[in-house]
C-alpha atoms as a PDB file:
ATOM      1  CA  MET A   1       0.005   0.110   0.012  1.00  0.00           C
ATOM      2  CA  ILE A   2       1.215   3.487  -0.728  1.00  0.00           C
ATOM      3  CA  GLY A   3       2.640   5.190   2.275  1.00  0.00           C
ATOM      4  CA  ARG A   4       3.163   1.950   4.327  1.00  0.00           C
ATOM      5  CA  GLU A   5       6.701   0.389   4.934  1.00  0.00           C
ATOM      6  CA  PRO A   6       6.829  -2.979   3.050  1.00  0.00           C
ATOM      7  CA  LEU A   7       6.169  -6.071   5.286  1.00  0.00           C
ATOM      8  CA  VAL A   8       8.802  -8.899   5.198  1.00  0.00           C
ATOM      9  CA  ASP A   9       5.761 -11.219   5.390  1.00  0.00           C
ATOM     10  CA  ASP A  10       4.085 -13.518   2.909  1.00  0.00           C
ATOM     11  CA  ASP A  11       0.552 -11.950   3.611  1.00  0.00           C
ATOM     12  CA  LEU A  12      -1.287  -9.512   5.566  1.00  0.00           C
ATOM     13  CA  ASP A  13      -2.266 -10.368   9.335  1.00  0.00           C
ATOM     14  CA  VAL A  14      -6.036  -9.743   9.132  1.00  0.00           C
ATOM     15  CA  GLU A  15      -6.467 -11.629   5.587  1.00  0.00           C
ATOM     16  CA  HIS A  16      -4.744 -14.424   7.154  1.00  0.00           C
ATOM     17  CA  ALA A  17      -6.819 -14.568  10.528  1.00  0.00           C
ATOM     18  CA  LEU A  18     -10.027 -14.007   8.687  1.00  0.00           C
ATOM     19  CA  ALA A  19      -9.534 -16.507   5.909  1.00  0.00           C
ATOM     20  CA  LYS A  20     -12.650 -18.594   6.943  1.00  0.00           C
ATOM     21  CA  PRO A  21     -16.080 -16.903   7.901  1.00  0.00           C
ATOM     22  CA  GLU A  22     -16.196 -19.001  10.944  1.00  0.00           C
ATOM     23  CA  SER A  23     -12.694 -17.833  12.067  1.00  0.00           C
ATOM     24  CA  ALA A  24     -13.805 -14.207  11.484  1.00  0.00           C
ATOM     25  CA  ARG A  25     -16.804 -14.653  13.682  1.00  0.00           C
ATOM     26  CA  ARG A  26     -14.702 -16.421  16.473  1.00  0.00           C
ATOM     27  CA  LEU A  27     -11.977 -13.627  16.254  1.00  0.00           C
ATOM     28  CA  LEU A  28     -14.551 -10.729  16.404  1.00  0.00           C
ATOM     29  CA  ALA A  29     -16.121 -12.683  19.473  1.00  0.00           C
ATOM     30  CA  ALA A  30     -12.782 -12.525  21.331  1.00  0.00           C
ATOM     31  CA  MET A  31     -12.091  -8.808  20.626  1.00  0.00           C
ATOM     32  CA  SER A  32     -15.762  -7.470  20.815  1.00  0.00           C
ATOM     33  CA  GLY A  33     -17.488  -9.255  23.424  1.00  0.00           C
ATOM     34  CA  VAL A  34     -20.156 -11.094  21.364  1.00  0.00           C
ATOM     35  CA  THR A  35     -21.500 -14.672  21.912  1.00  0.00           C
ATOM     36  CA  LEU A  36     -21.292 -17.367  19.565  1.00  0.00           C
ATOM     37  CA  ASP A  37     -24.416 -19.438  20.259  1.00  0.00           C
ATOM     38  CA  GLY A  38     -25.312 -19.594  16.648  1.00  0.00           C
ATOM     39  CA  HIS A  39     -26.079 -15.777  16.463  1.00  0.00           C
ATOM     40  CA  LEU A  40     -23.770 -12.615  17.004  1.00  0.00           C
ATOM     41  CA  GLN A  41     -25.164 -10.976  20.085  1.00  0.00           C
ATOM     42  CA  ASP A  42     -24.274  -8.339  22.673  1.00  0.00           C
ATOM     43  CA  ARG A  43     -23.610  -9.728  26.036  1.00  0.00           C
ATOM     44  CA  PRO A  44     -25.858  -8.193  28.658  1.00  0.00           C
ATOM     45  CA  GLY A  45     -24.211  -5.422  30.208  1.00  0.00           C
ATOM     46  CA  HIS A  46     -21.429  -5.490  27.864  1.00  0.00           C
ATOM     47  CA  GLN A  47     -19.440  -1.926  27.765  1.00  0.00           C
ATOM     48  CA  GLY A  48     -16.748  -3.069  25.311  1.00  0.00           C
ATOM     49  CA  VAL A  49     -15.508  -1.889  21.920  1.00  0.00           C
ATOM     50  CA  GLY A  50     -19.113  -1.872  20.551  1.00  0.00           C
ATOM     51  CA  LEU A  51     -18.603  -3.499  17.133  1.00  0.00           C
ATOM     52  CA  ALA A  52     -21.613  -5.867  17.126  1.00  0.00           C
ATOM     53  CA  SER A  53     -24.063  -2.828  15.923  1.00  0.00           C
ATOM     54  CA  ASP A  54     -21.602  -2.415  12.954  1.00  0.00           C
ATOM     55  CA  ILE A  55     -21.962  -6.109  11.870  1.00  0.00           C
ATOM     56  CA  PRO A  56     -24.155  -6.644   8.644  1.00  0.00           C
ATOM     57  CA  ARG A  57     -26.874  -9.253   9.045  1.00  0.00           C
ATOM     58  CA  THR A  58     -25.002 -11.355   6.522  1.00  0.00           C
ATOM     59  CA  CYS A  59     -22.477 -11.981   8.991  1.00  0.00           C
ATOM     60  CA  LEU A  60     -25.284 -13.905  11.178  1.00  0.00           C
ATOM     61  CA  ASP A  61     -24.783 -16.667   8.705  1.00  0.00           C
ATOM     62  CA  ALA A  62     -21.629 -18.758   9.465  1.00  0.00           C
ATOM     63  CA  ASP A  63     -21.532 -19.955   5.812  1.00  0.00           C
ATOM     64  CA  SER A  64     -21.441 -16.280   4.469  1.00  0.00           C
ATOM     65  CA  GLY A  65     -18.554 -15.589   2.385  1.00  0.00           C
ATOM     66  CA  THR A  66     -18.803 -11.947   3.006  1.00  0.00           C
ATOM     67  CA  CYS A  67     -18.298 -12.315   6.955  1.00  0.00           C
ATOM     68  CA  ALA A  68     -14.441 -12.054   6.626  1.00  0.00           C
ATOM     69  CA  GLN A  69     -14.779  -8.998   4.391  1.00  0.00           C
ATOM     70  CA  HIS A  70     -17.020  -7.139   6.858  1.00  0.00           C
ATOM     71  CA  VAL A  71     -15.309  -8.125  10.009  1.00  0.00           C
ATOM     72  CA  SER A  72     -11.830  -7.458   8.553  1.00  0.00           C
ATOM     73  CA  ARG A  73     -12.979  -3.537   7.674  1.00  0.00           C
ATOM     74  CA  ILE A  74     -14.375  -3.266  11.260  1.00  0.00           C
ATOM     75  CA  LEU A  75     -11.339  -4.523  12.839  1.00  0.00           C
ATOM     76  CA  TRP A  76      -9.059  -2.210  10.776  1.00  0.00           C
ATOM     77  CA  ARG A  77     -11.095   0.674  12.475  1.00  0.00           C
ATOM     78  CA  MET A  78     -10.344  -0.417  15.845  1.00  0.00           C
ATOM     79  CA  ARG A  79      -7.003   1.010  17.695  1.00  0.00           C
ATOM     80  CA  GLU A  80      -4.760  -2.049  18.187  1.00  0.00           C
ATOM     81  CA  GLN A  81      -2.359  -1.629  21.011  1.00  0.00           C
ATOM     82  CA  TYR A  82       1.154  -0.692  19.705  1.00  0.00           C
ATOM     83  CA  GLN A  83       0.003  -0.938  16.093  1.00  0.00           C
ATOM     84  CA  SER A  84      -2.003   2.351  15.846  1.00  0.00           C
ATOM     85  CA  GLY A  85       0.746   4.556  17.873  1.00  0.00           C
ATOM     86  CA  GLY A  86      -0.179   6.888  20.278  1.00  0.00           C
ATOM     87  CA  PRO A  87       0.487   6.700  24.112  1.00  0.00           C
ATOM     88  CA  SER A  88       0.866   2.773  24.174  1.00  0.00           C
ATOM     89  CA  VAL A  89       4.188   3.518  22.069  1.00  0.00           C
ATOM     90  CA  ASP A  90       5.062   7.122  23.213  1.00  0.00           C
ATOM     91  CA  PHE A  91       5.285   5.981  26.882  1.00  0.00           C
ATOM     92  CA  TYR A  92       6.312   2.330  26.438  1.00  0.00           C
ATOM     93  CA  ASP A  93       9.786   2.872  27.577  1.00  0.00           C
ATOM     94  CA  VAL A  94       8.803   4.948  30.472  1.00  0.00           C
ATOM     95  CA  ARG A  95       5.871   2.798  31.622  1.00  0.00           C
ATOM     96  CA  GLU A  96       7.483  -0.675  31.181  1.00  0.00           C
ATOM     97  CA  ALA A  97      10.771   0.539  33.411  1.00  0.00           C
ATOM     98  CA  ILE A  98      11.753  -2.800  34.436  1.00  0.00           C
ATOM     99  CA  GLY A  99      12.089  -2.944  38.509  1.00  0.00           C
ATOM    100  CA  ARG A 100      11.874  -5.447  41.224  1.00  0.00           C
ATOM    101  CA  GLY A 101       8.800  -7.627  41.053  1.00  0.00           C
ATOM    102  CA  HIS A 102       8.289  -6.740  37.182  1.00  0.00           C
ATOM    103  CA  PRO A 103       7.685  -9.904  35.229  1.00  0.00           C
ATOM    104  CA  CYS A 104      10.630  -9.131  33.155  1.00  0.00           C
ATOM    105  CA  GLU A 105      13.101  -8.391  36.085  1.00  0.00           C
ATOM    106  CA  GLY A 106      16.598  -9.525  35.011  1.00  0.00           C
ATOM    107  CA  ASP A 107      15.579 -10.325  31.415  1.00  0.00           C
ATOM    108  CA  VAL A 108      17.962  -8.001  29.691  1.00  0.00           C
ATOM    109  CA  GLU A 109      20.966  -9.662  31.408  1.00  0.00           C
ATOM    110  CA  PHE A 110      19.583 -13.125  30.577  1.00  0.00           C
ATOM    111  CA  TYR A 111      19.187 -12.570  27.069  1.00  0.00           C
ATOM    112  CA  VAL A 112      22.681 -11.035  26.863  1.00  0.00           C
ATOM    113  CA  LYS A 113      24.205 -14.227  28.790  1.00  0.00           C
ATOM    114  CA  GLN A 114      22.321 -16.566  26.364  1.00  0.00           C
ATOM    115  CA  ALA A 115      23.597 -14.537  23.423  1.00  0.00           C
ATOM    116  CA  ARG A 116      27.169 -14.469  24.403  1.00  0.00           C
ATOM    117  CA  ARG A 117      26.948 -18.151  24.704  1.00  0.00           C
ATOM    118  CA  THR A 118      25.879 -18.868  21.169  1.00  0.00           C
ATOM    119  CA  GLY A 119      27.415 -15.783  19.463  1.00  0.00           C
ATOM    120  CA  GLY A 120      25.839 -13.657  16.746  1.00  0.00           C
ATOM    121  CA  PRO A 121      24.073 -12.878  14.665  1.00  0.00           C
ATOM    122  CA  VAL A 122      20.901 -12.463  16.749  1.00  0.00           C
ATOM    123  CA  LEU A 123      17.229 -11.827  15.685  1.00  0.00           C
ATOM    124  CA  ASP A 124      14.771 -10.272  18.287  1.00  0.00           C
ATOM    125  CA  LEU A 125      11.212 -10.943  17.195  1.00  0.00           C
ATOM    126  CA  GLY A 126       8.496  -8.575  18.519  1.00  0.00           C
ATOM    127  CA  CYS A 127      11.467  -6.119  19.387  1.00  0.00           C
ATOM    128  CA  GLY A 128       9.225  -3.234  20.047  1.00  0.00           C
ATOM    129  CA  THR A 129      11.195  -0.074  20.876  1.00  0.00           C
ATOM    130  CA  GLY A 130      14.549  -2.122  21.179  1.00  0.00           C
ATOM    131  CA  ARG A 131      14.314  -2.542  24.918  1.00  0.00           C
ATOM    132  CA  ILE A 132      16.332  -5.988  24.424  1.00  0.00           C
ATOM    133  CA  ALA A 133      17.794  -5.440  20.879  1.00  0.00           C
ATOM    134  CA  MET A 134      19.820  -2.433  21.926  1.00  0.00           C
ATOM    135  CA  PRO A 135      21.611  -3.810  25.033  1.00  0.00           C
ATOM    136  CA  LEU A 136      22.505  -7.022  22.867  1.00  0.00           C
ATOM    137  CA  ALA A 137      24.023  -4.674  20.166  1.00  0.00           C
ATOM    138  CA  ARG A 138      25.934  -2.870  22.905  1.00  0.00           C
ATOM    139  CA  ALA A 139      27.251  -6.120  24.179  1.00  0.00           C
ATOM    140  CA  GLY A 140      28.895  -6.295  20.846  1.00  0.00           C
ATOM    141  CA  LEU A 141      26.530  -8.534  19.083  1.00  0.00           C
ATOM    142  CA  GLN A 142      25.081  -8.299  15.400  1.00  0.00           C
ATOM    143  CA  VAL A 143      21.370  -7.845  15.914  1.00  0.00           C
ATOM    144  CA  VAL A 144      18.368  -7.588  13.792  1.00  0.00           C
ATOM    145  CA  GLY A 145      14.995  -6.651  15.472  1.00  0.00           C
ATOM    146  CA  LEU A 146      11.671  -7.362  13.727  1.00  0.00           C
ATOM    147  CA  ASP A 147       8.333  -5.942  14.699  1.00  0.00           C
ATOM    148  CA  ARG A 148       4.782  -5.429  13.214  1.00  0.00           C
ATOM    149  CA  SER A 149       4.488  -1.807  14.428  1.00  0.00           C
ATOM    150  CA  PRO A 150       6.165   1.025  12.463  1.00  0.00           C
ATOM    151  CA  HIS A 151       5.513   3.270  15.447  1.00  0.00           C
ATOM    152  CA  MET A 152       7.584   0.963  17.558  1.00  0.00           C
ATOM    153  CA  LEU A 153      10.282   0.535  15.178  1.00  0.00           C
ATOM    154  CA  ARG A 154      10.395   4.649  14.841  1.00  0.00           C
ATOM    155  CA  VAL A 155      11.394   4.687  18.402  1.00  0.00           C
ATOM    156  CA  ALA A 156      13.841   1.814  18.394  1.00  0.00           C
ATOM    157  CA  ARG A 157      15.620   3.400  15.211  1.00  0.00           C
ATOM    158  CA  SER A 158      15.877   6.787  17.062  1.00  0.00           C
ATOM    159  CA  LYS A 159      18.201   4.875  19.781  1.00  0.00           C
ATOM    160  CA  VAL A 160      20.969   3.511  17.237  1.00  0.00           C
ATOM    161  CA  THR A 161      24.197   5.266  16.878  1.00  0.00           C
ATOM    162  CA  ASP A 162      26.942   4.556  14.315  1.00  0.00           C
ATOM    163  CA  ASP A 163      28.521   2.134  16.786  1.00  0.00           C
ATOM    164  CA  ASP A 164      25.575  -0.146  16.870  1.00  0.00           C
ATOM    165  CA  ASP A 165      25.575  -3.146  14.658  1.00  0.00           C
ATOM    166  CA  VAL A 166      21.600  -3.360  14.773  1.00  0.00           C
ATOM    167  CA  THR A 167      19.222  -3.252  11.974  1.00  0.00           C
ATOM    168  CA  PHE A 168      15.231  -2.892  12.523  1.00  0.00           C
ATOM    169  CA  VAL A 169      12.830  -4.345   9.955  1.00  0.00           C
ATOM    170  CA  ARG A 170       8.991  -4.334   9.747  1.00  0.00           C
ATOM    171  CA  GLY A 171       7.333  -7.816   9.688  1.00  0.00           C
ATOM    172  CA  ASN A 172       5.224 -10.348  11.239  1.00  0.00           C
ATOM    173  CA  MET A 173       6.661 -12.919  13.669  1.00  0.00           C
ATOM    174  CA  ALA A 174       4.474 -15.724  12.151  1.00  0.00           C
ATOM    175  CA  ARG A 175       5.121 -15.190   8.437  1.00  0.00           C
ATOM    176  CA  PHE A 176       8.766 -13.531   7.965  1.00  0.00           C
ATOM    177  CA  ASN A 177      11.436 -14.580   5.599  1.00  0.00           C
ATOM    178  CA  LEU A 178      14.618 -12.747   6.103  1.00  0.00           C
ATOM    179  CA  GLY A 179      16.758 -15.089   3.931  1.00  0.00           C
ATOM    180  CA  ARG A 180      19.402 -15.593   6.502  1.00  0.00           C
ATOM    181  CA  ARG A 181      20.216 -17.532   9.518  1.00  0.00           C
ATOM    182  CA  PHE A 182      20.944 -16.881  13.043  1.00  0.00           C
ATOM    183  CA  ARG A 183      22.695 -18.429  15.975  1.00  0.00           C
ATOM    184  CA  PHE A 184      20.351 -16.842  18.712  1.00  0.00           C
ATOM    185  CA  MET A 185      16.580 -15.844  18.511  1.00  0.00           C
ATOM    186  CA  LEU A 186      14.396 -14.642  21.029  1.00  0.00           C
ATOM    187  CA  ILE A 187      10.811 -13.480  21.751  1.00  0.00           C
ATOM    188  CA  ALA A 188      10.613 -11.330  24.836  1.00  0.00           C
ATOM    189  CA  TYR A 189       7.962 -10.172  27.255  1.00  0.00           C
ATOM    190  CA  ARG A 190       5.160 -12.292  26.179  1.00  0.00           C
ATOM    191  CA  ALA A 191       5.066 -10.844  22.678  1.00  0.00           C
ATOM    192  CA  PHE A 192       4.533 -14.628  21.420  1.00  0.00           C
ATOM    193  CA  GLN A 193       0.958 -14.279  23.047  1.00  0.00           C
ATOM    194  CA  HIS A 194      -0.239 -11.697  20.479  1.00  0.00           C
ATOM    195  CA  LEU A 195      -0.419 -14.698  18.353  1.00  0.00           C
ATOM    196  CA  LEU A 196      -4.108 -15.575  18.693  1.00  0.00           C
ATOM    197  CA  THR A 197      -4.420 -19.135  17.457  1.00  0.00           C
ATOM    198  CA  PRO A 198      -2.275 -22.318  17.646  1.00  0.00           C
ATOM    199  CA  ALA A 199      -1.977 -22.221  13.956  1.00  0.00           C
ATOM    200  CA  GLU A 200      -0.183 -18.814  14.045  1.00  0.00           C
ATOM    201  CA  GLN A 201       2.010 -20.010  16.920  1.00  0.00           C
ATOM    202  CA  ARG A 202       3.087 -23.116  15.136  1.00  0.00           C
ATOM    203  CA  SER A 203       3.829 -20.972  11.948  1.00  0.00           C
ATOM    204  CA  CYS A 204       5.915 -18.580  14.084  1.00  0.00           C
ATOM    205  CA  LEU A 205       7.970 -21.587  15.565  1.00  0.00           C
ATOM    206  CA  GLN A 206       8.457 -23.048  12.102  1.00  0.00           C
ATOM    207  CA  ARG A 207       9.836 -19.795  10.899  1.00  0.00           C
ATOM    208  CA  VAL A 208      12.118 -19.527  13.933  1.00  0.00           C
ATOM    209  CA  HIS A 209      13.228 -23.063  13.121  1.00  0.00           C
ATOM    210  CA  ARG A 210      14.016 -22.182   9.587  1.00  0.00           C
ATOM    211  CA  HIS A 211      16.037 -19.176  10.521  1.00  0.00           C
ATOM    212  CA  LEU A 212      18.147 -20.759  13.180  1.00  0.00           C
ATOM    213  CA  ILE A 213      21.315 -22.493  12.283  1.00  0.00           C
ATOM    214  CA  ALA A 214      21.643 -26.129  13.253  1.00  0.00           C
ATOM    215  CA  GLY A 215      22.040 -26.266  17.222  1.00  0.00           C
ATOM    216  CA  GLY A 216      21.032 -22.639  17.432  1.00  0.00           C
ATOM    217  CA  ARG A 217      19.315 -21.512  20.543  1.00  0.00           C
ATOM    218  CA  PHE A 218      15.796 -19.817  21.018  1.00  0.00           C
ATOM    219  CA  VAL A 219      14.135 -18.197  24.075  1.00  0.00           C
ATOM    220  CA  VAL A 220      10.619 -17.113  24.505  1.00  0.00           C
ATOM    221  CA  HIS A 221       8.858 -15.681  27.508  1.00  0.00           C
ATOM    222  CA  LEU A 222       5.143 -16.161  28.299  1.00  0.00           C
ATOM    223  CA  PHE A 223       3.122 -15.721  31.288  1.00  0.00           C
ATOM    224  CA  ASP A 224       1.905 -18.776  33.159  1.00  0.00           C
ATOM    225  CA  PRO A 225      -2.032 -18.737  33.269  1.00  0.00           C
ATOM    226  CA  ARG A 226      -3.875 -18.618  36.480  1.00  0.00           C
ATOM    227  CA  LEU A 227      -7.100 -20.400  35.970  1.00  0.00           C
ATOM    228  CA  GLU A 228      -9.015 -18.131  38.232  1.00  0.00           C
ATOM    229  CA  PHE A 229      -8.436 -15.340  35.831  1.00  0.00           C
ATOM    230  CA  CYS A 230      -9.274 -17.396  32.679  1.00  0.00           C
ATOM    231  CA  TYR A 231     -13.101 -17.699  32.757  1.00  0.00           C
ATOM    232  CA  PRO A 232     -15.751 -14.798  31.605  1.00  0.00           C
ATOM    233  CA  GLY A 233     -16.305 -12.557  34.441  1.00  0.00           C
ATOM    234  CA  SER A 234     -13.063 -12.838  36.419  1.00  0.00           C
ATOM    235  CA  PRO A 235     -11.192  -9.768  37.444  1.00  0.00           C
ATOM    236  CA  THR A 236      -8.592  -8.144  35.373  1.00  0.00           C
ATOM    237  CA  LEU A 237      -4.731  -8.341  36.137  1.00  0.00           C
ATOM    238  CA  SER A 238      -3.844  -5.397  33.915  1.00  0.00           C
ATOM    239  CA  THR A 239      -3.262  -2.715  36.772  1.00  0.00           C
ATOM    240  CA  ARG A 240      -0.742  -0.301  35.510  1.00  0.00           C
ATOM    241  CA  PRO A 241       0.933   2.474  37.927  1.00  0.00           C
ATOM    242  CA  PRO A 242       1.204   5.995  35.855  1.00  0.00           C
ATOM    243  CA  GLY A 243       4.303   6.762  33.971  1.00  0.00           C
ATOM    244  CA  ARG A 244       5.932  10.063  33.575  1.00  0.00           C
ATOM    245  CA  ASP A 245       8.331  11.192  30.670  1.00  0.00           C
ATOM    246  CA  PRO A 246      10.941  13.457  32.122  1.00  0.00           C
ATOM    247  CA  LYS A 247      11.650  15.160  28.731  1.00  0.00           C
ATOM    248  CA  SER A 248       8.035  16.228  28.244  1.00  0.00           C
ATOM    249  CA  GLY A 249       6.853  16.479  31.788  1.00  0.00           C
ATOM    250  CA  ARG A 250       3.886  14.414  30.551  1.00  0.00           C
ATOM    251  CA  THR A 251       2.118  11.597  32.553  1.00  0.00           C
ATOM    252  CA  VAL A 252       0.009   8.851  31.416  1.00  0.00           C
ATOM    253  CA  ASP A 253      -2.569   6.850  33.317  1.00  0.00           C
ATOM    254  CA  VAL A 254      -4.110   3.683  32.078  1.00  0.00           C
ATOM    255  CA  ALA A 255      -7.600   2.295  32.993  1.00  0.00           C
ATOM    256  CA  VAL A 256      -8.748  -1.075  31.970  1.00  0.00           C
ATOM    257  CA  VAL A 257     -12.471  -0.358  31.228  1.00  0.00           C
ATOM    258  CA  ASP A 258     -13.702  -3.786  29.912  1.00  0.00           C
ATOM    259  CA  ARG A 259     -12.473  -7.361  29.722  1.00  0.00           C
ATOM    260  CA  GLN A 260     -13.759 -10.248  27.752  1.00  0.00           C
ATOM    261  CA  LEU A 261     -12.672 -13.814  27.699  1.00  0.00           C
ATOM    262  CA  ASP A 262     -13.099 -16.835  25.693  1.00  0.00           C
ATOM    263  CA  PRO A 263     -11.994 -20.080  27.379  1.00  0.00           C
ATOM    264  CA  LEU A 264     -12.570 -22.028  24.090  1.00  0.00           C
ATOM    265  CA  THR A 265     -10.024 -19.915  22.126  1.00  0.00           C
ATOM    266  CA  GLN A 266      -7.929 -19.227  25.228  1.00  0.00           C
ATOM    267  CA  THR A 267      -7.999 -15.495  24.258  1.00  0.00           C
ATOM    268  CA  PHE A 268      -9.004 -12.411  26.278  1.00  0.00           C
ATOM    269  CA  SER A 269      -9.599  -8.841  24.930  1.00  0.00           C
ATOM    270  CA  GLU A 270      -8.995  -5.832  27.255  1.00  0.00           C
ATOM    271  CA  ARG A 271     -10.043  -2.236  26.415  1.00  0.00           C
ATOM    272  CA  TRP A 272      -7.728   0.278  27.763  1.00  0.00           C
ATOM    273  CA  ILE A 273      -8.170   4.012  27.911  1.00  0.00           C
ATOM    274  CA  TRP A 274      -4.971   6.060  28.179  1.00  0.00           C
ATOM    275  CA  THR A 275      -5.316   9.425  29.935  1.00  0.00           C
ATOM    276  CA  VAL A 276      -2.165  11.805  29.041  1.00  0.00           C
ATOM    277  CA  LYS A 277      -1.692  14.816  31.384  1.00  0.00           C
ATOM    278  CA  GLY A 278       0.419  18.056  31.183  1.00  0.00           C
ATOM    279  CA  ASP A 279       2.863  19.009  33.704  1.00  0.00           C
ATOM    280  CA  ALA A 280       0.297  21.038  35.233  1.00  0.00           C
ATOM    281  CA  GLY A 281      -2.181  18.091  35.594  1.00  0.00           C
ATOM    282  CA  HIS A 282      -4.505  18.906  33.010  1.00  0.00           C
ATOM    283  CA  VAL A 283      -5.903  16.322  30.545  1.00  0.00           C
ATOM    284  CA  ILE A 284      -4.157  16.582  27.007  1.00  0.00           C
ATOM    285  CA  GLU A 285      -5.983  13.533  25.386  1.00  0.00           C
ATOM    286  CA  GLU A 286      -7.742  10.369  26.014  1.00  0.00           C
ATOM    287  CA  VAL A 287      -7.022   7.466  23.720  1.00  0.00           C
ATOM    288  CA  PRO A 288      -8.668   4.041  23.610  1.00  0.00           C
ATOM    289  CA  ASP A 289      -6.805   0.925  22.766  1.00  0.00           C
ATOM    290  CA  THR A 290      -7.481  -2.792  22.652  1.00  0.00           C
ATOM    291  CA  LEU A 291      -5.034  -5.469  23.919  1.00  0.00           C
ATOM    292  CA  VAL A 292      -5.862  -9.126  22.852  1.00  0.00           C
ATOM    293  CA  LEU A 293      -3.756 -12.145  23.997  1.00  0.00           C
ATOM    294  CA  ARG A 294      -3.685 -15.700  24.039  1.00  0.00           C
ATOM    295  CA  TRP A 295      -2.712 -17.723  27.093  1.00  0.00           C
ATOM    296  CA  THR A 296      -0.706 -21.041  26.530  1.00  0.00           C
ATOM    297  CA  TYR A 297      -0.288 -23.813  28.963  1.00  0.00           C
ATOM    298  CA  ARG A 298       3.072 -24.991  29.733  1.00  0.00           C
ATOM    299  CA  TYR A 299       2.474 -28.644  28.283  1.00  0.00           C
ATOM    300  CA  GLU A 300       0.889 -27.037  25.289  1.00  0.00           C
ATOM    301  CA  MET A 301       4.134 -25.182  24.713  1.00  0.00           C
ATOM    302  CA  ALA A 302       6.177 -28.295  25.112  1.00  0.00           C
ATOM    303  CA  TYR A 303       4.122 -30.211  22.536  1.00  0.00           C
ATOM    304  CA  LEU A 304       4.427 -27.184  20.072  1.00  0.00           C
ATOM    305  CA  PHE A 305       8.382 -27.238  20.562  1.00  0.00           C
ATOM    306  CA  GLU A 306       8.370 -30.943  19.838  1.00  0.00           C
ATOM    307  CA  LEU A 307       6.058 -30.643  16.788  1.00  0.00           C
ATOM    308  CA  THR A 308       8.372 -27.804  15.260  1.00  0.00           C
ATOM    309  CA  GLY A 309      11.667 -29.440  15.700  1.00  0.00           C
ATOM    310  CA  PHE A 310      13.086 -27.982  18.875  1.00  0.00           C
ATOM    311  CA  ARG A 311      14.593 -29.871  22.116  1.00  0.00           C
ATOM    312  CA  VAL A 312      13.866 -28.163  25.265  1.00  0.00           C
ATOM    313  CA  ARG A 313      17.115 -27.325  27.216  1.00  0.00           C
ATOM    314  CA  ALA A 314      15.312 -25.671  30.204  1.00  0.00           C
ATOM    315  CA  CYS A 315      12.090 -24.027  31.457  1.00  0.00           C
ATOM    316  CA  TYR A 316      12.187 -21.412  34.253  1.00  0.00           C
ATOM    317  CA  SER A 317       9.422 -19.441  36.018  1.00  0.00           C
ATOM    318  CA  ASP A 318      11.654 -16.331  36.023  1.00  0.00           C
ATOM    319  CA  PHE A 319      15.100 -14.795  34.660  1.00  0.00           C
ATOM    320  CA  PHE A 320      17.003 -16.119  37.455  1.00  0.00           C
ATOM    321  CA  GLY A 321      16.683 -19.819  36.938  1.00  0.00           C
ATOM    322  CA  SER A 322      13.975 -20.702  39.310  1.00  0.00           C
ATOM    323  CA  PRO A 323      12.172 -23.999  38.489  1.00  0.00           C
ATOM    324  CA  PRO A 324       8.565 -23.976  37.020  1.00  0.00           C
ATOM    325  CA  ARG A 325       6.011 -22.430  39.195  1.00  0.00           C
ATOM    326  CA  TYR A 326       2.274 -22.291  38.490  1.00  0.00           C
ATOM    327  CA  GLY A 327       0.857 -18.694  37.758  1.00  0.00           C
ATOM    328  CA  ALA A 328       4.442 -17.338  37.508  1.00  0.00           C
ATOM    329  CA  GLU A 329       6.392 -16.892  33.902  1.00  0.00           C
ATOM    330  CA  GLN A 330       7.324 -19.530  31.481  1.00  0.00           C
ATOM    331  CA  VAL A 331      10.880 -18.904  30.216  1.00  0.00           C
ATOM    332  CA  TRP A 332      11.705 -21.352  27.596  1.00  0.00           C
ATOM    333  CA  VAL A 333      15.136 -22.017  26.334  1.00  0.00           C
ATOM    334  CA  VAL A 334      15.072 -24.471  23.298  1.00  0.00           C
ATOM    335  CA  GLU A 335      17.502 -25.531  20.521  1.00  0.00           C
ATOM    336  CA  LYS A 336      17.016 -26.431  16.921  1.00  0.00           C
ATOM    337  CA  ARG A 337      17.304 -30.190  16.480  1.00  0.00           C
END
């Protein structure tokens, strides 16, 4: 498309996800809070993204060939977190400052240690603003960072100096093709969970396998699901402290105003409202965002690795080498067979 940076993908995300009418209906359910009991209906009391009223009646027919097209247009109008720019990107580095008790505590040092063990080149999938890629490059490694969001990549590229051997490219981690191989690859901070179907997850791991040298190492980080938060009506875990940009003096608050879960697809959708305030405390803007993730169980991941040609070397519950623990983190270290 004119004005869009080319993707190193085989196809567009929405077109792939909505290839079948039933897939379109189920993805819409995960994102907009509608039921799939034979009809698309608003959930009682639902205060979510409000797309059900925009759905043509033809989408009520699971066999309708137009369903995917209609849903595709609707989804493109939504603000998707990180992909649409705005506060989720502008305040990312400030808001995600990694401190004690954070799920990513110690992850930069962990990835640098793993990468030094294998040597470069390194591929960071879902690299975002370069939070991991830049420390890897400054540890003397050759690094490529790949991300879907042009806005995140803009921030990442702004950090690069002439001394950094790092390149950032736009692409989808489930369908990329860089035409080269790497000694070490990673998917940090739960980015793998933005893949909403087992088919997407398997495709990603197949691409990782294809891009690794024989014996190459891959690390991926997920959260370990807590069952009490995985059923409809369960409370949200997405509480976020406010962040402040010391350069502009602006602060941002995040409120999770709606949460919908689909235990069948193992997905949840949250509607976030970002409130940006000036240094005097006045509201500058309020921006809605939608976050959709898929939770994946520990043994489900183990089978995915087996199916896609990997040997599990370790699975930790944090970045300090602790053994697996329910409801903590999943930090997988695997090698290409």
